Structures are given as C-alpha cells and as structure tokens.
Amino acid sequence: MGARASQAATAVNCGGPTQLEIWPAISEQRSKGVFMSVARVIEISSTSDKSFENAIEQGITRASKNLREIKSAWVKEQEVQVESNKVVAYKVILKVTFVLED
C-alpha cells in the first residue's frame, strides 16, 4: 500500500475493527451455521376498553398482520382515559421488535 492509501485507512479508522478484520469473522460464523440478523424497533399505540393486557394483546395481534418475525415488545407508556370518574379506556404505547428479512 502506498503512503496515501495507508493515511486514508488511518483517517477513517475510529479505533474499531476495520472491514478487512470484520469480514473474515462473518465468513467464519456463517461457515459454522451462525447467522446474524438485523432487527428493527417500531412504536405503536393500542387501546382497549377492557384492560392494559388486552390493549397489549390487540396491539401485537394487529402488528403481526403486517410484520413477520416479531420477537419482543415492551410497554413504553400506559395511560387511562377517564370519564365521569370512571376508567373508560386503557392505552399502551408499545415498542415492537421484529427481524428484517434477507
């Protein structure tokens, strides 16, 4: 490598492994049957007139109609709607994790 090429490589290396160091490791993992996946997290809201649990179940059921490979979800927020001093609706904001397809 010329001086110019090594300077360019040094300039973009931020202390982590370089692509030349990463690709052999990925190839080795794939040859052993280990596959890496990429996941995405989206935020959805769901409301139920029954309970928080029902709102969660409805949200996941609805999300699964459009998303495949849902792996997990966590409740970011919970909220109730109140009318005449009575709870009339349960709302959850969910963070849903799913794996992207190849």
Protein backbone atom coordinates (compact mmCIF):
# COMPACT_ATOMS: atom_id res chain seq x y z
CA MET A 1 0.00 0.00 0.00
CA GLY A 2 1.27 3.46 -0.78
CA ALA A 3 1.61 6.18 1.84
CA ARG A 4 -1.55 7.87 0.57
CA ALA A 5 -3.68 4.70 0.93
CA SER A 6 -2.43 3.98 4.46
CA GLN A 7 -3.15 7.57 5.50
CA ALA A 8 -6.71 7.26 4.18
CA ALA A 9 -7.24 3.99 6.05
CA THR A 10 -5.89 5.55 9.23
CA ALA A 11 -8.10 8.60 8.84
CA VAL A 12 -11.34 6.57 8.73
CA ASN A 13 -10.40 4.04 11.41
CA CYS A 14 -12.02 5.26 14.62
CA GLY A 15 -10.43 2.67 16.86
CA GLY A 16 -12.81 -0.17 15.97
CA PRO A 17 -12.12 -3.13 13.71
CA THR A 18 -11.76 -2.42 10.02
CA GLN A 19 -13.87 -4.07 7.31
CA LEU A 20 -10.90 -6.28 6.47
CA GLU A 21 -10.92 -7.55 10.07
CA ILE A 22 -14.72 -7.99 10.28
CA TRP A 23 -15.46 -9.89 7.03
CA PRO A 24 -13.33 -12.97 7.84
CA ALA A 25 -15.12 -13.24 11.20
CA ILE A 26 -18.53 -13.08 9.50
CA SER A 27 -17.48 -15.70 6.94
CA GLU A 28 -16.28 -17.97 9.74
CA GLN A 29 -19.58 -17.59 11.62
CA ARG A 30 -21.60 -18.39 8.50
CA SER A 31 -19.50 -21.48 7.81
CA LYS A 32 -20.31 -22.68 11.34
CA GLY A 33 -24.02 -22.14 10.74
CA VAL A 34 -24.22 -18.97 12.84
CA PHE A 35 -26.22 -16.30 11.08
CA MET A 36 -26.52 -12.73 12.16
CA SER A 37 -29.83 -10.94 11.81
CA VAL A 38 -30.86 -7.32 11.81
CA ALA A 39 -33.86 -6.22 13.84
CA ARG A 40 -35.96 -3.10 13.74
CA VAL A 41 -37.95 -1.49 16.53
CA ILE A 42 -41.17 0.40 15.86
CA GLU A 43 -43.54 2.19 18.18
CA ILE A 44 -47.29 1.53 18.10
CA SER A 45 -50.23 2.50 20.27
CA SER A 46 -53.20 0.33 21.14
CA THR A 47 -56.37 0.99 23.12
CA SER A 48 -58.82 -1.34 24.84
CA ASP A 49 -61.95 -0.81 26.89
CA LYS A 50 -61.15 -3.94 28.95
CA SER A 51 -57.57 -3.78 30.33
CA PHE A 52 -53.94 -2.92 29.70
CA GLU A 53 -53.25 -6.59 28.99
CA ASN A 54 -55.99 -6.65 26.37
CA ALA A 55 -54.59 -3.48 24.78
CA ILE A 56 -51.16 -5.17 24.54
CA GLU A 57 -52.65 -8.34 23.02
CA GLN A 58 -54.66 -6.32 20.48
CA GLY A 59 -51.60 -4.26 19.54
CA ILE A 60 -49.42 -7.33 18.93
CA THR A 61 -52.21 -9.13 17.05
CA ARG A 62 -52.70 -6.13 14.78
CA ALA A 63 -48.95 -5.58 14.24
CA SER A 64 -48.48 -9.25 13.32
CA LYS A 65 -50.82 -8.78 10.34
CA ASN A 66 -48.19 -6.56 8.70
CA LEU A 67 -44.95 -7.65 10.38
CA ARG A 68 -43.29 -11.06 10.37
CA GLU A 69 -40.73 -12.35 12.84
CA ILE A 70 -41.92 -10.27 15.82
CA LYS A 71 -39.51 -11.17 18.62
CA SER A 72 -40.47 -8.96 21.53
CA ALA A 73 -42.34 -5.91 22.74
CA TRP A 74 -42.12 -3.71 25.77
CA VAL A 75 -44.56 -1.22 27.18
CA LYS A 76 -43.16 2.28 26.94
CA GLU A 77 -46.20 4.07 28.38
CA GLN A 78 -49.57 3.30 29.89
CA GLU A 79 -52.48 5.71 30.07
CA VAL A 80 -56.13 5.53 31.06
CA GLN A 81 -58.95 7.67 29.76
CA VAL A 82 -61.40 8.77 32.45
CA GLU A 83 -64.96 9.98 32.05
CA SER A 84 -67.29 10.76 34.97
CA ASN A 85 -64.66 9.44 37.40
CA LYS A 86 -64.58 6.03 35.69
CA VAL A 87 -61.91 4.42 33.54
CA VAL A 88 -63.32 4.04 30.03
CA ALA A 89 -60.20 3.06 28.07
CA TYR A 90 -56.70 1.64 28.57
CA LYS A 91 -53.98 2.80 26.21
CA VAL A 92 -50.46 1.45 25.79
CA ILE A 93 -47.53 2.63 23.73
CA LEU A 94 -45.51 -0.43 22.68
CA LYS A 95 -42.00 -0.77 21.27
CA VAL A 96 -42.16 -3.82 18.97
CA THR A 97 -39.00 -5.59 17.79
CA PHE A 98 -39.02 -7.66 14.59
CA VAL A 99 -36.31 -9.24 12.45
CA LEU A 100 -35.78 -7.89 8.93
CA GLU A 101 -35.89 -10.44 6.13
CA ASP A 102 -32.93 -11.02 3.82
